[in-house]
Amino acid sequence: MNNIKVFWNRYGLLVVAVLLLLTPQFTSQYEFYVVQRGVQNAMLVLGLVMLIGYTGLMTLGSAALLATGAYTYGILMLRLGCSPLIGTIGAVLFTTVVGTLLGIPAFRLSGPFLVVTTVGFGEIVRILILNWEPLTRGPYGLSGFRPVMPTTRGVYYLMVVVLILLAIVTERIGRSRLGLAMKAVKEDEVAAEVMGVNVRRVKLVSNALTAALAGLSGVFLASLTGYLNPDSFTSNESTSYLLMVVMGGMSNVVGSILSSLFLTVLPEVLRFLAESRLLVYSLILLVYLRLYHVRGGSKVRAKSAGSRGRS
């Protein structure tokens, strides 16, 4: 069992990469699209790993940043005639700026107050998209822009490569000086500041990195769907992304990728249940979280008991 765990810790990301690259060979067109959405969701979730798992800042505004990246890409392509590369860079940069500005309230807020702020931000972005019809086409949706790659498989393979690179970067950040500072802020902001950590800068960088990955995920979402509508970026979507991070283990990079794929595919697998689908889906999630919580709680209690024994 320990050998399997060691192997997975070392080569888990490689196994996931190989499976994703082989997926188009044994899936139907619709199944392939669902997996594509899972990979696209995983990019955003990696950003939340840094924000929630590393830094401890809670958010329910992920869908708003996703919408910002997607709509910025579509608008740059349609209104300014930019190339896909320029559109991608512009969308990521603009979303990063927006996420950084959103991070400013995080300097003084925490817990439920921060969550309420991000929920409000998400609704502001959705309503702005809905009502700014001359630019976003409002409820009619935005369409007609080119994807980042000319073929569907080209978009998918590019997403997989980018996802694996982002996963490696996220893991390295977690072990770097910046990652240690993020984790110190998560544990105790006052103690971290006393030890010389610039808490404001750490939170700002964390928000910026999360926004950048959300913007990139939005670009790929626009490329996959070819159509953007404000109804696709509600608070329910933000809740789903939060659930993906929690099920993946908060700061576990490979686990977050797997949970993103699992929670994207599971509703489609249960579609045959018709009206009971959401009930079964919820029960599966509750059972998993309960078992995960119990197992995690036992490890924490065992560790604390061992510490008391040594003292």
C-alpha atoms as a PDB file:
ATOM      1  CA  MET A   1       0.000   0.000   0.000  1.00  0.00           C
ATOM      2  CA  ASN A   2       2.833   2.368   0.863  1.00  0.00           C
ATOM      3  CA  ASN A   3       4.551   1.530  -2.435  1.00  0.00           C
ATOM      4  CA  ILE A   4       1.404   2.475  -4.351  1.00  0.00           C
ATOM      5  CA  LYS A   5       1.180   5.746  -2.443  1.00  0.00           C
ATOM      6  CA  VAL A   6       4.831   6.568  -3.144  1.00  0.00           C
ATOM      7  CA  PHE A   7       4.376   5.718  -6.834  1.00  0.00           C
ATOM      8  CA  TRP A   8       1.269   7.901  -7.070  1.00  0.00           C
ATOM      9  CA  ASN A   9       2.964  10.824  -5.344  1.00  0.00           C
ATOM     10  CA  ARG A  10       5.843  10.634  -7.803  1.00  0.00           C
ATOM     11  CA  TYR A  11       4.110   9.738 -11.047  1.00  0.00           C
ATOM     12  CA  GLY A  12       0.434  10.573 -10.485  1.00  0.00           C
ATOM     13  CA  LEU A  13       0.546  13.657 -12.692  1.00  0.00           C
ATOM     14  CA  LEU A  14       2.244  11.688 -15.469  1.00  0.00           C
ATOM     15  CA  VAL A  15      -0.442   8.977 -15.286  1.00  0.00           C
ATOM     16  CA  VAL A  16      -3.188  11.595 -15.514  1.00  0.00           C
ATOM     17  CA  ALA A  17      -1.455  13.248 -18.486  1.00  0.00           C
ATOM     18  CA  VAL A  18      -1.159   9.953 -20.399  1.00  0.00           C
ATOM     19  CA  LEU A  19      -4.814   9.072 -19.747  1.00  0.00           C
ATOM     20  CA  LEU A  20      -5.983  12.493 -20.894  1.00  0.00           C
ATOM     21  CA  LEU A  21      -3.905  12.307 -24.071  1.00  0.00           C
ATOM     22  CA  LEU A  22      -5.391   8.875 -24.876  1.00  0.00           C
ATOM     23  CA  THR A  23      -8.991   9.897 -24.101  1.00  0.00           C
ATOM     24  CA  PRO A  24      -9.947  11.008 -27.664  1.00  0.00           C
ATOM     25  CA  GLN A  25      -9.134   7.515 -28.932  1.00  0.00           C
ATOM     26  CA  PHE A  26     -11.893   5.721 -26.986  1.00  0.00           C
ATOM     27  CA  THR A  27     -14.664   8.281 -26.425  1.00  0.00           C
ATOM     28  CA  SER A  28     -17.606   9.429 -28.490  1.00  0.00           C
ATOM     29  CA  GLN A  29     -17.954  13.014 -29.625  1.00  0.00           C
ATOM     30  CA  TYR A  30     -20.179  13.985 -26.713  1.00  0.00           C
ATOM     31  CA  GLU A  31     -18.085  12.132 -24.127  1.00  0.00           C
ATOM     32  CA  PHE A  32     -15.009  13.836 -25.545  1.00  0.00           C
ATOM     33  CA  TYR A  33     -16.657  17.245 -25.115  1.00  0.00           C
ATOM     34  CA  VAL A  34     -17.473  16.486 -21.468  1.00  0.00           C
ATOM     35  CA  VAL A  35     -13.845  15.532 -20.788  1.00  0.00           C
ATOM     36  CA  GLN A  36     -12.754  18.745 -22.521  1.00  0.00           C
ATOM     37  CA  ARG A  37     -14.906  20.730 -20.122  1.00  0.00           C
ATOM     38  CA  GLY A  38     -13.372  18.824 -17.228  1.00  0.00           C
ATOM     39  CA  VAL A  39      -9.859  19.777 -18.329  1.00  0.00           C
ATOM     40  CA  GLN A  40     -10.951  23.390 -18.767  1.00  0.00           C
ATOM     41  CA  ASN A  41     -12.492  23.409 -15.278  1.00  0.00           C
ATOM     42  CA  ALA A  42      -9.299  21.919 -13.821  1.00  0.00           C
ATOM     43  CA  MET A  43      -7.306  24.979 -14.927  1.00  0.00           C
ATOM     44  CA  LEU A  44      -9.508  27.280 -12.895  1.00  0.00           C
ATOM     45  CA  VAL A  45      -9.462  24.905  -9.939  1.00  0.00           C
ATOM     46  CA  LEU A  46      -5.645  24.956  -9.865  1.00  0.00           C
ATOM     47  CA  GLY A  47      -5.909  28.690  -9.273  1.00  0.00           C
ATOM     48  CA  LEU A  48      -8.272  28.033  -6.382  1.00  0.00           C
ATOM     49  CA  VAL A  49      -5.735  25.575  -4.942  1.00  0.00           C
ATOM     50  CA  MET A  50      -3.359  28.515  -4.525  1.00  0.00           C
ATOM     51  CA  LEU A  51      -6.039  30.861  -3.211  1.00  0.00           C
ATOM     52  CA  ILE A  52      -7.981  28.518  -0.919  1.00  0.00           C
ATOM     53  CA  GLY A  53      -5.618  25.601  -0.321  1.00  0.00           C
ATOM     54  CA  TYR A  54      -2.392  27.554   0.093  1.00  0.00           C
ATOM     55  CA  THR A  55      -3.486  31.023   1.278  1.00  0.00           C
ATOM     56  CA  GLY A  56      -6.777  30.175   3.000  1.00  0.00           C
ATOM     57  CA  LEU A  57      -8.848  32.882   1.267  1.00  0.00           C
ATOM     58  CA  MET A  58     -12.400  31.707   0.536  1.00  0.00           C
ATOM     59  CA  THR A  59     -14.176  32.824  -2.649  1.00  0.00           C
ATOM     60  CA  LEU A  60     -17.455  32.301  -4.451  1.00  0.00           C
ATOM     61  CA  GLY A  61     -16.644  34.618  -7.340  1.00  0.00           C
ATOM     62  CA  SER A  62     -14.753  32.180  -9.565  1.00  0.00           C
ATOM     63  CA  ALA A  63     -17.453  32.170 -12.244  1.00  0.00           C
ATOM     64  CA  ALA A  64     -17.160  35.961 -12.547  1.00  0.00           C
ATOM     65  CA  LEU A  65     -13.434  35.752 -13.296  1.00  0.00           C
ATOM     66  CA  LEU A  66     -14.130  32.920 -15.735  1.00  0.00           C
ATOM     67  CA  ALA A  67     -16.724  35.103 -17.476  1.00  0.00           C
ATOM     68  CA  THR A  68     -14.305  38.038 -17.575  1.00  0.00           C
ATOM     69  CA  GLY A  69     -11.684  35.970 -19.380  1.00  0.00           C
ATOM     70  CA  ALA A  70     -14.161  34.373 -21.783  1.00  0.00           C
ATOM     71  CA  TYR A  71     -15.958  37.596 -22.718  1.00  0.00           C
ATOM     72  CA  THR A  72     -12.716  39.574 -23.006  1.00  0.00           C
ATOM     73  CA  TYR A  73     -11.394  36.993 -25.460  1.00  0.00           C
ATOM     74  CA  GLY A  74     -14.618  37.029 -27.492  1.00  0.00           C
ATOM     75  CA  ILE A  75     -14.822  40.840 -27.559  1.00  0.00           C
ATOM     76  CA  LEU A  76     -11.176  41.241 -28.581  1.00  0.00           C
ATOM     77  CA  MET A  77     -11.665  38.747 -31.402  1.00  0.00           C
ATOM     78  CA  LEU A  78     -14.942  40.198 -32.685  1.00  0.00           C
ATOM     79  CA  ARG A  79     -14.610  43.941 -32.051  1.00  0.00           C
ATOM     80  CA  LEU A  80     -10.873  44.462 -32.614  1.00  0.00           C
ATOM     81  CA  GLY A  81     -10.107  41.566 -34.952  1.00  0.00           C
ATOM     82  CA  CYS A  82      -7.247  40.292 -32.794  1.00  0.00           C
ATOM     83  CA  SER A  83      -5.522  36.993 -33.443  1.00  0.00           C
ATOM     84  CA  PRO A  84      -6.211  34.109 -31.029  1.00  0.00           C
ATOM     85  CA  LEU A  85      -2.788  34.581 -29.416  1.00  0.00           C
ATOM     86  CA  ILE A  86      -3.290  38.318 -28.813  1.00  0.00           C
ATOM     87  CA  GLY A  87      -6.857  37.655 -27.656  1.00  0.00           C
ATOM     88  CA  THR A  88      -5.637  35.055 -25.157  1.00  0.00           C
ATOM     89  CA  ILE A  89      -2.896  37.312 -23.779  1.00  0.00           C
ATOM     90  CA  GLY A  90      -5.303  40.257 -23.525  1.00  0.00           C
ATOM     91  CA  ALA A  91      -7.975  38.174 -21.778  1.00  0.00           C
ATOM     92  CA  VAL A  92      -5.523  36.744 -19.235  1.00  0.00           C
ATOM     93  CA  LEU A  93      -3.975  40.147 -18.494  1.00  0.00           C
ATOM     94  CA  PHE A  94      -7.330  41.901 -18.108  1.00  0.00           C
ATOM     95  CA  THR A  95      -8.710  39.151 -15.849  1.00  0.00           C
ATOM     96  CA  THR A  96      -5.534  39.319 -13.758  1.00  0.00           C
ATOM     97  CA  VAL A  97      -6.019  43.062 -13.273  1.00  0.00           C
ATOM     98  CA  VAL A  98      -9.674  42.555 -12.292  1.00  0.00           C
ATOM     99  CA  GLY A  99      -8.769  39.759  -9.858  1.00  0.00           C
ATOM    100  CA  THR A 100      -6.016  41.874  -8.326  1.00  0.00           C
ATOM    101  CA  LEU A 101      -8.420  44.748  -7.764  1.00  0.00           C
ATOM    102  CA  LEU A 102     -10.875  42.301  -6.208  1.00  0.00           C
ATOM    103  CA  GLY A 103      -8.080  41.172  -3.890  1.00  0.00           C
ATOM    104  CA  ILE A 104      -7.790  44.613  -2.308  1.00  0.00           C
ATOM    105  CA  PRO A 105     -10.810  44.034   0.026  1.00  0.00           C
ATOM    106  CA  ALA A 106      -9.138  40.771   1.093  1.00  0.00           C
ATOM    107  CA  PHE A 107      -6.541  42.804   2.976  1.00  0.00           C
ATOM    108  CA  ARG A 108      -9.087  43.623   5.662  1.00  0.00           C
ATOM    109  CA  LEU A 109     -11.760  40.931   5.234  1.00  0.00           C
ATOM    110  CA  SER A 110     -11.798  37.238   6.064  1.00  0.00           C
ATOM    111  CA  GLY A 111     -14.222  34.388   6.565  1.00  0.00           C
ATOM    112  CA  PRO A 112     -17.884  35.061   5.732  1.00  0.00           C
ATOM    113  CA  PHE A 113     -17.288  38.752   5.042  1.00  0.00           C
ATOM    114  CA  LEU A 114     -14.846  37.911   2.244  1.00  0.00           C
ATOM    115  CA  VAL A 115     -17.230  35.298   0.843  1.00  0.00           C
ATOM    116  CA  VAL A 116     -20.087  37.829   0.718  1.00  0.00           C
ATOM    117  CA  THR A 117     -17.803  40.273  -1.100  1.00  0.00           C
ATOM    118  CA  THR A 118     -16.928  37.700  -3.757  1.00  0.00           C
ATOM    119  CA  VAL A 119     -20.579  36.705  -4.181  1.00  0.00           C
ATOM    120  CA  GLY A 120     -21.444  40.375  -4.737  1.00  0.00           C
ATOM    121  CA  PHE A 121     -18.625  40.685  -7.262  1.00  0.00           C
ATOM    122  CA  GLY A 122     -19.946  37.690  -9.155  1.00  0.00           C
ATOM    123  CA  GLU A 123     -23.436  39.153  -9.412  1.00  0.00           C
ATOM    124  CA  ILE A 124     -22.077  42.550 -10.483  1.00  0.00           C
ATOM    125  CA  VAL A 125     -20.138  40.961 -13.345  1.00  0.00           C
ATOM    126  CA  ARG A 126     -23.104  38.849 -14.466  1.00  0.00           C
ATOM    127  CA  ILE A 127     -25.523  41.789 -14.417  1.00  0.00           C
ATOM    128  CA  LEU A 128     -22.985  43.988 -16.193  1.00  0.00           C
ATOM    129  CA  ILE A 129     -22.641  41.403 -18.973  1.00  0.00           C
ATOM    130  CA  LEU A 130     -26.400  41.048 -19.155  1.00  0.00           C
ATOM    131  CA  ASN A 131     -27.066  44.787 -19.494  1.00  0.00           C
ATOM    132  CA  TRP A 132     -24.082  45.964 -21.545  1.00  0.00           C
ATOM    133  CA  GLU A 133     -25.767  44.755 -24.710  1.00  0.00           C
ATOM    134  CA  PRO A 134     -23.861  46.898 -27.276  1.00  0.00           C
ATOM    135  CA  LEU A 135     -20.608  45.240 -26.190  1.00  0.00           C
ATOM    136  CA  THR A 136     -21.580  41.800 -24.869  1.00  0.00           C
ATOM    137  CA  ARG A 137     -24.889  41.271 -26.743  1.00  0.00           C
ATOM    138  CA  GLY A 138     -26.520  40.777 -23.347  1.00  0.00           C
ATOM    139  CA  PRO A 139     -29.049  37.928 -23.108  1.00  0.00           C
ATOM    140  CA  TYR A 140     -28.605  37.098 -26.821  1.00  0.00           C
ATOM    141  CA  GLY A 141     -25.116  35.813 -26.150  1.00  0.00           C
ATOM    142  CA  LEU A 142     -21.768  36.336 -27.820  1.00  0.00           C
ATOM    143  CA  SER A 143     -20.724  34.096 -30.714  1.00  0.00           C
ATOM    144  CA  GLY A 144     -18.827  34.070 -33.992  1.00  0.00           C
ATOM    145  CA  PHE A 145     -15.264  34.299 -32.644  1.00  0.00           C
ATOM    146  CA  ARG A 146     -12.422  31.964 -33.603  1.00  0.00           C
ATOM    147  CA  PRO A 147     -11.117  29.340 -31.158  1.00  0.00           C
ATOM    148  CA  VAL A 148      -7.488  29.300 -30.062  1.00  0.00           C
ATOM    149  CA  MET A 149      -6.814  26.336 -32.385  1.00  0.00           C
ATOM    150  CA  PRO A 150      -8.466  25.499 -35.723  1.00  0.00           C
ATOM    151  CA  THR A 151      -9.613  21.984 -34.716  1.00  0.00           C
ATOM    152  CA  THR A 152     -11.399  20.585 -31.688  1.00  0.00           C
ATOM    153  CA  ARG A 153      -8.651  18.065 -31.004  1.00  0.00           C
ATOM    154  CA  GLY A 154      -6.067  20.793 -31.364  1.00  0.00           C
ATOM    155  CA  VAL A 155      -7.816  22.794 -28.627  1.00  0.00           C
ATOM    156  CA  TYR A 156      -7.979  19.707 -26.413  1.00  0.00           C
ATOM    157  CA  TYR A 157      -4.331  18.723 -26.757  1.00  0.00           C
ATOM    158  CA  LEU A 158      -3.286  22.313 -26.129  1.00  0.00           C
ATOM    159  CA  MET A 159      -5.438  22.364 -22.992  1.00  0.00           C
ATOM    160  CA  VAL A 160      -3.901  19.138 -21.703  1.00  0.00           C
ATOM    161  CA  VAL A 161      -0.354  20.410 -22.238  1.00  0.00           C
ATOM    162  CA  VAL A 162      -1.169  23.739 -20.576  1.00  0.00           C
ATOM    163  CA  LEU A 163      -2.921  21.963 -17.675  1.00  0.00           C
ATOM    164  CA  ILE A 164       0.082  19.726 -16.971  1.00  0.00           C
ATOM    165  CA  LEU A 165       2.461  22.708 -17.100  1.00  0.00           C
ATOM    166  CA  LEU A 166       0.185  24.667 -14.758  1.00  0.00           C
ATOM    167  CA  ALA A 167       0.028  21.693 -12.377  1.00  0.00           C
ATOM    168  CA  ILE A 168       3.838  21.518 -12.258  1.00  0.00           C
ATOM    169  CA  VAL A 169       4.062  25.273 -11.656  1.00  0.00           C
ATOM    170  CA  THR A 170       1.400  25.107  -8.932  1.00  0.00           C
ATOM    171  CA  GLU A 171       3.249  22.306  -7.122  1.00  0.00           C
ATOM    172  CA  ARG A 172       6.535  24.208  -7.353  1.00  0.00           C
ATOM    173  CA  ILE A 173       4.902  27.373  -6.026  1.00  0.00           C
ATOM    174  CA  GLY A 174       3.597  25.358  -3.085  1.00  0.00           C
ATOM    175  CA  ARG A 175       7.143  24.305  -2.206  1.00  0.00           C
ATOM    176  CA  SER A 176       8.718  27.692  -2.935  1.00  0.00           C
ATOM    177  CA  ARG A 177       9.291  30.611  -0.599  1.00  0.00           C
ATOM    178  CA  LEU A 178       6.096  32.231  -1.884  1.00  0.00           C
ATOM    179  CA  GLY A 179       4.132  29.035  -1.216  1.00  0.00           C
ATOM    180  CA  LEU A 180       5.469  28.789   2.312  1.00  0.00           C
ATOM    181  CA  ALA A 181       4.462  32.410   2.876  1.00  0.00           C
ATOM    182  CA  MET A 182       0.953  31.634   1.572  1.00  0.00           C
ATOM    183  CA  LYS A 183       0.636  28.689   3.941  1.00  0.00           C
ATOM    184  CA  ALA A 184       1.891  30.807   6.834  1.00  0.00           C
ATOM    185  CA  VAL A 185      -0.807  33.387   6.087  1.00  0.00           C
ATOM    186  CA  LYS A 186      -3.385  30.602   6.032  1.00  0.00           C
ATOM    187  CA  GLU A 187      -2.319  29.306   9.438  1.00  0.00           C
ATOM    188  CA  ASP A 188      -2.051  32.651  11.254  1.00  0.00           C
ATOM    189  CA  GLU A 189      -1.811  36.076   9.627  1.00  0.00           C
ATOM    190  CA  VAL A 190      -0.501  37.801  12.754  1.00  0.00           C
ATOM    191  CA  ALA A 191       2.209  35.205  13.375  1.00  0.00           C
ATOM    192  CA  ALA A 192       3.187  35.307   9.692  1.00  0.00           C
ATOM    193  CA  GLU A 193       3.535  39.083   9.771  1.00  0.00           C
ATOM    194  CA  VAL A 194       5.623  38.906  12.942  1.00  0.00           C
ATOM    195  CA  MET A 195       7.938  36.441  11.175  1.00  0.00           C
ATOM    196  CA  GLY A 196       8.475  38.940   8.346  1.00  0.00           C
ATOM    197  CA  VAL A 197       5.869  37.820   5.796  1.00  0.00           C
ATOM    198  CA  ASN A 198       4.281  40.666   3.838  1.00  0.00           C
ATOM    199  CA  VAL A 199       0.672  39.523   4.235  1.00  0.00           C
ATOM    200  CA  ARG A 200      -0.778  42.163   1.900  1.00  0.00           C
ATOM    201  CA  ARG A 201       1.591  41.251  -0.909  1.00  0.00           C
ATOM    202  CA  VAL A 202       1.015  37.509  -0.463  1.00  0.00           C
ATOM    203  CA  LYS A 203      -2.756  37.952  -0.697  1.00  0.00           C
ATOM    204  CA  LEU A 204      -2.371  40.228  -3.719  1.00  0.00           C
ATOM    205  CA  VAL A 205      -0.149  37.734  -5.552  1.00  0.00           C
ATOM    206  CA  SER A 206      -2.477  34.863  -4.664  1.00  0.00           C
ATOM    207  CA  ASN A 207      -5.500  36.701  -6.071  1.00  0.00           C
ATOM    208  CA  ALA A 208      -3.567  37.669  -9.200  1.00  0.00           C
ATOM    209  CA  LEU A 209      -2.435  34.094  -9.897  1.00  0.00           C
ATOM    210  CA  THR A 210      -5.940  32.750  -9.356  1.00  0.00           C
ATOM    211  CA  ALA A 211      -7.420  35.368 -11.674  1.00  0.00           C
ATOM    212  CA  ALA A 212      -4.836  34.624 -14.378  1.00  0.00           C
ATOM    213  CA  LEU A 213      -5.710  30.922 -14.404  1.00  0.00           C
ATOM    214  CA  ALA A 214      -9.437  31.751 -14.392  1.00  0.00           C
ATOM    215  CA  GLY A 215      -8.921  34.049 -17.376  1.00  0.00           C
ATOM    216  CA  LEU A 216      -7.026  31.343 -19.265  1.00  0.00           C
ATOM    217  CA  SER A 217      -9.764  28.847 -18.429  1.00  0.00           C
ATOM    218  CA  GLY A 218     -12.306  31.348 -19.775  1.00  0.00           C
ATOM    219  CA  VAL A 219     -10.426  31.577 -23.069  1.00  0.00           C
ATOM    220  CA  PHE A 220     -10.581  27.802 -23.491  1.00  0.00           C
ATOM    221  CA  LEU A 221     -14.250  27.789 -22.483  1.00  0.00           C
ATOM    222  CA  ALA A 222     -15.004  30.291 -25.236  1.00  0.00           C
ATOM    223  CA  SER A 223     -13.029  28.172 -27.697  1.00  0.00           C
ATOM    224  CA  LEU A 224     -14.880  24.984 -26.715  1.00  0.00           C
ATOM    225  CA  THR A 225     -18.422  26.331 -26.765  1.00  0.00           C
ATOM    226  CA  GLY A 226     -18.195  29.067 -29.423  1.00  0.00           C
ATOM    227  CA  TYR A 227     -21.026  30.800 -27.578  1.00  0.00           C
ATOM    228  CA  LEU A 228     -21.123  32.801 -24.354  1.00  0.00           C
ATOM    229  CA  ASN A 229     -24.212  33.648 -22.316  1.00  0.00           C
ATOM    230  CA  PRO A 230     -24.416  35.326 -18.874  1.00  0.00           C
ATOM    231  CA  ASP A 231     -26.611  32.491 -17.574  1.00  0.00           C
ATOM    232  CA  SER A 232     -23.563  30.204 -17.744  1.00  0.00           C
ATOM    233  CA  PHE A 233     -21.728  32.192 -15.067  1.00  0.00           C
ATOM    234  CA  THR A 234     -23.976  32.100 -12.010  1.00  0.00           C
ATOM    235  CA  SER A 235     -23.075  31.589  -8.353  1.00  0.00           C
ATOM    236  CA  ASN A 236     -23.963  27.895  -8.771  1.00  0.00           C
ATOM    237  CA  GLU A 237     -20.929  27.522 -11.024  1.00  0.00           C
ATOM    238  CA  SER A 238     -18.710  29.148  -8.392  1.00  0.00           C
ATOM    239  CA  THR A 239     -20.050  26.701  -5.813  1.00  0.00           C
ATOM    240  CA  SER A 240     -19.180  23.790  -8.110  1.00  0.00           C
ATOM    241  CA  TYR A 241     -15.596  25.012  -8.432  1.00  0.00           C
ATOM    242  CA  LEU A 242     -15.339  25.344  -4.661  1.00  0.00           C
ATOM    243  CA  LEU A 243     -16.592  21.769  -4.298  1.00  0.00           C
ATOM    244  CA  MET A 244     -13.960  20.559  -6.764  1.00  0.00           C
ATOM    245  CA  VAL A 245     -11.208  22.078  -4.626  1.00  0.00           C
ATOM    246  CA  VAL A 246     -12.600  20.573  -1.424  1.00  0.00           C
ATOM    247  CA  MET A 247     -13.023  17.094  -2.916  1.00  0.00           C
ATOM    248  CA  GLY A 248      -9.541  17.262  -4.404  1.00  0.00           C
ATOM    249  CA  GLY A 249      -7.950  17.827  -1.015  1.00  0.00           C
ATOM    250  CA  MET A 250      -7.687  21.644  -0.896  1.00  0.00           C
ATOM    251  CA  SER A 251      -3.931  21.850  -1.588  1.00  0.00           C
ATOM    252  CA  ASN A 252      -3.549  18.599  -3.539  1.00  0.00           C
ATOM    253  CA  VAL A 253      -2.773  19.462  -7.177  1.00  0.00           C
ATOM    254  CA  VAL A 254      -3.348  16.033  -8.762  1.00  0.00           C
ATOM    255  CA  GLY A 255      -6.381  15.452  -6.537  1.00  0.00           C
ATOM    256  CA  SER A 256      -7.904  18.752  -7.687  1.00  0.00           C
ATOM    257  CA  ILE A 257      -7.461  17.780 -11.336  1.00  0.00           C
ATOM    258  CA  LEU A 258      -9.111  14.405 -10.727  1.00  0.00           C
ATOM    259  CA  SER A 259     -11.987  15.932  -8.750  1.00  0.00           C
ATOM    260  CA  SER A 260     -12.556  18.498 -11.521  1.00  0.00           C
ATOM    261  CA  LEU A 261     -12.803  15.732 -14.103  1.00  0.00           C
ATOM    262  CA  PHE A 262     -14.952  13.563 -11.826  1.00  0.00           C
ATOM    263  CA  LEU A 263     -17.452  16.297 -10.919  1.00  0.00           C
ATOM    264  CA  THR A 264     -17.723  17.363 -14.559  1.00  0.00           C
ATOM    265  CA  VAL A 265     -18.325  13.841 -15.834  1.00  0.00           C
ATOM    266  CA  LEU A 266     -20.520  12.521 -12.988  1.00  0.00           C
ATOM    267  CA  PRO A 267     -23.711  14.528 -13.797  1.00  0.00           C
ATOM    268  CA  GLU A 268     -23.574  13.251 -17.377  1.00  0.00           C
ATOM    269  CA  VAL A 269     -23.037   9.662 -16.255  1.00  0.00           C
ATOM    270  CA  LEU A 270     -26.132   9.961 -14.043  1.00  0.00           C
ATOM    271  CA  ARG A 271     -28.261  11.572 -16.744  1.00  0.00           C
ATOM    272  CA  PHE A 272     -30.131   8.294 -17.348  1.00  0.00           C
ATOM    273  CA  LEU A 273     -31.720   8.726 -13.906  1.00  0.00           C
ATOM    274  CA  ALA A 274     -33.706  11.701 -15.246  1.00  0.00           C
ATOM    275  CA  GLU A 275     -35.419  13.544 -12.375  1.00  0.00           C
ATOM    276  CA  SER A 276     -33.534  11.595  -9.691  1.00  0.00           C
ATOM    277  CA  ARG A 277     -30.147  12.527 -11.158  1.00  0.00           C
ATOM    278  CA  LEU A 278     -29.444  15.520  -8.915  1.00  0.00           C
ATOM    279  CA  LEU A 279     -30.565  13.611  -5.812  1.00  0.00           C
ATOM    280  CA  VAL A 280     -28.169  10.724  -6.486  1.00  0.00           C
ATOM    281  CA  TYR A 281     -25.416  13.183  -7.412  1.00  0.00           C
ATOM    282  CA  SER A 282     -25.836  15.000  -4.093  1.00  0.00           C
ATOM    283  CA  LEU A 283     -25.867  11.749  -2.120  1.00  0.00           C
ATOM    284  CA  ILE A 284     -22.617  10.597  -3.740  1.00  0.00           C
ATOM    285  CA  LEU A 285     -20.939  13.893  -2.855  1.00  0.00           C
ATOM    286  CA  LEU A 286     -22.216  13.803   0.731  1.00  0.00           C
ATOM    287  CA  VAL A 287     -20.995  10.236   1.263  1.00  0.00           C
ATOM    288  CA  TYR A 288     -17.582  11.062  -0.178  1.00  0.00           C
ATOM    289  CA  LEU A 289     -17.164  14.221   1.881  1.00  0.00           C
ATOM    290  CA  ARG A 290     -18.320  12.411   5.013  1.00  0.00           C
ATOM    291  CA  LEU A 291     -15.824   9.583   4.526  1.00  0.00           C
ATOM    292  CA  TYR A 292     -13.049  12.021   3.631  1.00  0.00           C
ATOM    293  CA  HIS A 293     -13.833  14.169   6.675  1.00  0.00           C
ATOM    294  CA  VAL A 294     -13.838  11.180   9.028  1.00  0.00           C
ATOM    295  CA  ARG A 295     -10.552   9.870   7.622  1.00  0.00           C
ATOM    296  CA  GLY A 296      -8.938  13.309   7.789  1.00  0.00           C
ATOM    297  CA  GLY A 297     -10.233  13.878  11.303  1.00  0.00           C
ATOM    298  CA  SER A 298      -8.829  10.525  12.492  1.00  0.00           C
ATOM    299  CA  LYS A 299      -5.393  11.405  11.082  1.00  0.00           C
ATOM    300  CA  VAL A 300      -5.413  14.754  12.838  1.00  0.00           C
ATOM    301  CA  ARG A 301      -6.471  13.179  16.139  1.00  0.00           C
ATOM    302  CA  ALA A 302      -3.812  10.470  15.813  1.00  0.00           C
ATOM    303  CA  LYS A 303      -1.137  13.053  15.074  1.00  0.00           C
ATOM    304  CA  SER A 304      -2.129  15.237  18.019  1.00  0.00           C
ATOM    305  CA  ALA A 305      -2.242  12.182  20.305  1.00  0.00           C
ATOM    306  CA  GLY A 306       1.240  11.193  19.152  1.00  0.00           C
ATOM    307  CA  SER A 307       2.507  14.713  19.859  1.00  0.00           C
ATOM    308  CA  ARG A 308       1.057  14.632  23.372  1.00  0.00           C
ATOM    309  CA  GLY A 309       2.656  11.218  23.935  1.00  0.00           C
ATOM    310  CA  ARG A 310       6.093  12.474  22.946  1.00  0.00           C
ATOM    311  CA  SER A 311       5.725  15.544  25.149  1.00  0.00           C
END
